[in-house]
Amino acid sequence: MADDKSNAAEYWKANVRTIIGCLVVWAFVSYGCAILFRPLLAGIPVGGTDLGFWFAQQGSILTFIGIIFFYAWKMNKLDEKFGLGE
């Protein structure tokens, strides 16, 4: 019983660590690149506009979609590691 609780605690600890990592990446791209660092990225042209505008309009959305796929992949690996796979 104690081993099950320890296993569950380790699973959720790894899950929360993954979620926090994904949120940090999302916040950096959404707020950092699109808002805070936009003046620094203004001189880099991408598709007819500057890189800061691109991150604000499309880059943050594409990054969010990438994070969704990464999270699904990482959780499948985590489930396999803890014997919770399908």
N, C-alpha and C. Protein backbone atom coordinates (compact mmCIF):
# COMPACT_ATOMS: atom_id res chain seq x y z
N MET A 1 0.82 -1.19 0.00
CA MET A 1 0.00 0.00 0.00
C MET A 1 0.87 1.26 0.00
N ALA A 2 1.92 1.26 0.82
CA ALA A 2 2.81 2.42 0.89
C ALA A 2 3.54 2.60 -0.44
N ASP A 3 3.86 1.48 -1.11
CA ASP A 3 4.54 1.55 -2.40
C ASP A 3 3.62 2.18 -3.45
N ASP A 4 2.32 1.87 -3.39
CA ASP A 4 1.36 2.45 -4.32
C ASP A 4 1.25 3.96 -4.14
N LYS A 5 1.23 4.40 -2.88
CA LYS A 5 1.16 5.84 -2.60
C LYS A 5 2.42 6.54 -3.05
N SER A 6 3.56 5.91 -2.84
CA SER A 6 4.82 6.48 -3.28
C SER A 6 4.88 6.57 -4.79
N ASN A 7 4.41 5.51 -5.45
CA ASN A 7 4.38 5.48 -6.92
C ASN A 7 3.45 6.57 -7.45
N ALA A 8 2.28 6.73 -6.83
CA ALA A 8 1.33 7.76 -7.25
C ALA A 8 1.90 9.15 -7.02
N ALA A 9 2.60 9.34 -5.91
CA ALA A 9 3.19 10.65 -5.63
C ALA A 9 4.27 10.99 -6.65
N GLU A 10 5.09 10.02 -7.02
CA GLU A 10 6.12 10.24 -8.03
C GLU A 10 5.51 10.54 -9.40
N TYR A 11 4.42 9.84 -9.72
CA TYR A 11 3.72 10.06 -10.98
C TYR A 11 3.21 11.49 -11.07
N TRP A 12 2.52 11.95 -10.01
CA TRP A 12 1.97 13.30 -10.03
C TRP A 12 3.04 14.36 -9.97
N LYS A 13 4.13 14.06 -9.29
CA LYS A 13 5.25 14.99 -9.24
C LYS A 13 5.83 15.19 -10.64
N ALA A 14 6.00 14.09 -11.38
CA ALA A 14 6.49 14.18 -12.76
C ALA A 14 5.47 14.86 -13.66
N ASN A 15 4.19 14.61 -13.44
CA ASN A 15 3.13 15.23 -14.23
C ASN A 15 3.12 16.75 -14.01
N VAL A 16 3.17 17.18 -12.77
CA VAL A 16 3.17 18.61 -12.46
C VAL A 16 4.42 19.28 -13.01
N ARG A 17 5.55 18.61 -12.94
CA ARG A 17 6.80 19.15 -13.49
C ARG A 17 6.67 19.36 -15.00
N THR A 18 6.04 18.41 -15.69
CA THR A 18 5.82 18.54 -17.12
C THR A 18 4.87 19.70 -17.43
N ILE A 19 3.80 19.82 -16.66
CA ILE A 19 2.84 20.91 -16.86
C ILE A 19 3.51 22.27 -16.64
N ILE A 20 4.29 22.39 -15.59
CA ILE A 20 4.97 23.66 -15.31
C ILE A 20 5.95 24.00 -16.42
N GLY A 21 6.69 23.01 -16.92
CA GLY A 21 7.61 23.25 -18.03
C GLY A 21 6.88 23.73 -19.27
N CYS A 22 5.75 23.11 -19.57
CA CYS A 22 4.95 23.53 -20.74
C CYS A 22 4.42 24.94 -20.55
N LEU A 23 3.97 25.27 -19.36
CA LEU A 23 3.45 26.61 -19.09
C LEU A 23 4.55 27.68 -19.18
N VAL A 24 5.75 27.34 -18.76
CA VAL A 24 6.86 28.28 -18.86
C VAL A 24 7.19 28.56 -20.32
N VAL A 25 7.23 27.52 -21.14
CA VAL A 25 7.49 27.71 -22.58
C VAL A 25 6.38 28.55 -23.20
N TRP A 26 5.13 28.22 -22.89
CA TRP A 26 3.99 28.96 -23.43
C TRP A 26 4.05 30.43 -23.03
N ALA A 27 4.33 30.71 -21.75
CA ALA A 27 4.40 32.09 -21.27
C ALA A 27 5.55 32.85 -21.92
N PHE A 28 6.69 32.19 -22.08
CA PHE A 28 7.83 32.85 -22.72
C PHE A 28 7.50 33.24 -24.15
N VAL A 29 6.90 32.33 -24.90
CA VAL A 29 6.58 32.63 -26.30
C VAL A 29 5.45 33.64 -26.39
N SER A 30 4.38 33.44 -25.61
CA SER A 30 3.21 34.31 -25.70
C SER A 30 3.48 35.72 -25.18
N TYR A 31 4.04 35.80 -24.00
CA TYR A 31 4.27 37.10 -23.38
C TYR A 31 5.66 37.65 -23.67
N GLY A 32 6.65 36.79 -23.60
CA GLY A 32 8.02 37.25 -23.80
C GLY A 32 8.29 37.68 -25.23
N CYS A 33 8.16 36.74 -26.16
CA CYS A 33 8.49 37.03 -27.56
C CYS A 33 7.48 37.97 -28.21
N ALA A 34 6.21 37.84 -27.87
CA ALA A 34 5.17 38.63 -28.54
C ALA A 34 4.99 40.02 -27.94
N ILE A 35 5.29 40.19 -26.66
CA ILE A 35 5.03 41.48 -26.02
C ILE A 35 6.31 42.13 -25.51
N LEU A 36 7.01 41.45 -24.61
CA LEU A 36 8.17 42.07 -23.96
C LEU A 36 9.37 42.24 -24.88
N PHE A 37 9.65 41.22 -25.69
CA PHE A 37 10.82 41.28 -26.56
C PHE A 37 10.49 41.74 -27.98
N ARG A 38 9.26 42.22 -28.20
CA ARG A 38 8.85 42.62 -29.55
C ARG A 38 9.75 43.70 -30.12
N PRO A 39 10.14 44.72 -29.37
CA PRO A 39 11.04 45.73 -29.95
C PRO A 39 12.39 45.14 -30.40
N LEU A 40 12.88 44.16 -29.67
CA LEU A 40 14.14 43.53 -30.05
C LEU A 40 14.00 42.68 -31.30
N LEU A 41 12.82 42.10 -31.50
CA LEU A 41 12.57 41.23 -32.65
C LEU A 41 12.03 41.98 -33.86
N ALA A 42 11.83 43.30 -33.73
CA ALA A 42 11.19 44.07 -34.80
C ALA A 42 12.04 44.14 -36.07
N GLY A 43 13.34 44.03 -35.95
CA GLY A 43 14.20 44.16 -37.12
C GLY A 43 14.38 42.88 -37.92
N ILE A 44 13.83 41.79 -37.46
CA ILE A 44 14.00 40.50 -38.14
C ILE A 44 12.77 40.22 -39.01
N PRO A 45 12.93 40.28 -40.34
CA PRO A 45 11.75 40.07 -41.20
C PRO A 45 11.38 38.59 -41.34
N VAL A 46 10.07 38.33 -41.27
CA VAL A 46 9.54 36.97 -41.46
C VAL A 46 8.23 37.10 -42.24
N GLY A 47 8.20 36.57 -43.43
CA GLY A 47 6.97 36.55 -44.22
C GLY A 47 6.33 37.90 -44.45
N GLY A 48 7.11 38.94 -44.67
CA GLY A 48 6.56 40.26 -44.93
C GLY A 48 6.26 41.09 -43.70
N THR A 49 6.55 40.57 -42.53
CA THR A 49 6.34 41.32 -41.30
C THR A 49 7.53 41.06 -40.37
N ASP A 50 7.53 41.66 -39.21
CA ASP A 50 8.65 41.42 -38.30
C ASP A 50 8.38 40.22 -37.39
N LEU A 51 9.43 39.68 -36.81
CA LEU A 51 9.35 38.46 -36.02
C LEU A 51 8.48 38.63 -34.77
N GLY A 52 8.52 39.79 -34.12
CA GLY A 52 7.70 40.03 -32.94
C GLY A 52 6.22 39.96 -33.26
N PHE A 53 5.82 40.57 -34.36
CA PHE A 53 4.41 40.51 -34.79
C PHE A 53 4.03 39.08 -35.15
N TRP A 54 4.94 38.37 -35.81
CA TRP A 54 4.66 36.99 -36.18
C TRP A 54 4.41 36.13 -34.95
N PHE A 55 5.25 36.29 -33.91
CA PHE A 55 5.03 35.54 -32.67
C PHE A 55 3.70 35.90 -32.04
N ALA A 56 3.32 37.16 -32.08
CA ALA A 56 2.06 37.58 -31.48
C ALA A 56 0.87 37.00 -32.23
N GLN A 57 0.96 36.91 -33.54
CA GLN A 57 -0.19 36.47 -34.34
C GLN A 57 -0.22 34.97 -34.59
N GLN A 58 0.90 34.37 -34.91
CA GLN A 58 0.89 32.97 -35.31
C GLN A 58 1.85 32.10 -34.50
N GLY A 59 2.97 32.63 -34.11
CA GLY A 59 3.97 31.83 -33.42
C GLY A 59 3.50 31.28 -32.10
N SER A 60 2.76 32.08 -31.34
CA SER A 60 2.28 31.59 -30.05
C SER A 60 1.23 30.50 -30.23
N ILE A 61 0.41 30.61 -31.27
CA ILE A 61 -0.60 29.58 -31.54
C ILE A 61 0.08 28.28 -31.97
N LEU A 62 1.04 28.38 -32.88
CA LEU A 62 1.76 27.19 -33.33
C LEU A 62 2.55 26.55 -32.19
N THR A 63 3.13 27.38 -31.33
CA THR A 63 3.84 26.85 -30.18
C THR A 63 2.89 26.14 -29.24
N PHE A 64 1.70 26.70 -29.02
CA PHE A 64 0.70 26.06 -28.17
C PHE A 64 0.29 24.71 -28.73
N ILE A 65 0.08 24.62 -30.03
CA ILE A 65 -0.26 23.33 -30.66
C ILE A 65 0.89 22.34 -30.48
N GLY A 66 2.13 22.81 -30.64
CA GLY A 66 3.29 21.95 -30.42
C GLY A 66 3.36 21.46 -28.98
N ILE A 67 3.03 22.33 -28.03
CA ILE A 67 3.03 21.95 -26.62
C ILE A 67 1.98 20.87 -26.35
N ILE A 68 0.83 20.96 -27.00
CA ILE A 68 -0.21 19.94 -26.83
C ILE A 68 0.31 18.58 -27.26
N PHE A 69 0.94 18.52 -28.43
CA PHE A 69 1.47 17.24 -28.91
C PHE A 69 2.62 16.75 -28.02
N PHE A 70 3.47 17.66 -27.56
CA PHE A 70 4.55 17.28 -26.65
C PHE A 70 4.00 16.71 -25.35
N TYR A 71 2.97 17.37 -24.79
CA TYR A 71 2.39 16.92 -23.53
C TYR A 71 1.77 15.53 -23.69
N ALA A 72 1.07 15.30 -24.79
CA ALA A 72 0.48 13.98 -25.02
C ALA A 72 1.56 12.91 -25.14
N TRP A 73 2.63 13.20 -25.86
CA TRP A 73 3.74 12.26 -26.01
C TRP A 73 4.41 11.99 -24.66
N LYS A 74 4.67 13.07 -23.91
CA LYS A 74 5.34 12.93 -22.61
C LYS A 74 4.48 12.16 -21.62
N MET A 75 3.18 12.40 -21.62
CA MET A 75 2.30 11.67 -20.70
C MET A 75 2.20 10.20 -21.07
N ASN A 76 2.23 9.87 -22.36
CA ASN A 76 2.24 8.46 -22.75
C ASN A 76 3.51 7.78 -22.24
N LYS A 77 4.65 8.45 -22.36
CA LYS A 77 5.90 7.90 -21.83
C LYS A 77 5.83 7.75 -20.31
N LEU A 78 5.27 8.74 -19.65
CA LEU A 78 5.14 8.70 -18.20
C LEU A 78 4.20 7.58 -17.76
N ASP A 79 3.11 7.40 -18.49
CA ASP A 79 2.18 6.31 -18.18
C ASP A 79 2.85 4.95 -18.33
N GLU A 80 3.63 4.78 -19.38
CA GLU A 80 4.36 3.52 -19.58
C GLU A 80 5.36 3.27 -18.46
N LYS A 81 6.04 4.34 -18.05
CA LYS A 81 7.05 4.22 -16.99
C LYS A 81 6.43 3.74 -15.69
N PHE A 82 5.22 4.24 -15.38
CA PHE A 82 4.58 3.88 -14.12
C PHE A 82 3.56 2.76 -14.27
N GLY A 83 3.55 2.09 -15.42
CA GLY A 83 2.66 0.95 -15.62
C GLY A 83 1.20 1.31 -15.77
N LEU A 84 0.92 2.50 -16.29
CA LEU A 84 -0.46 2.94 -16.45
C LEU A 84 -0.85 3.05 -17.92
N GLY A 85 -0.03 2.48 -18.81
CA GLY A 85 -0.30 2.57 -20.24
C GLY A 85 -1.57 1.84 -20.63
N GLU A 86 -2.01 2.16 -21.83
CA GLU A 86 -3.27 1.57 -22.31
C GLU A 86 -3.08 0.12 -22.67
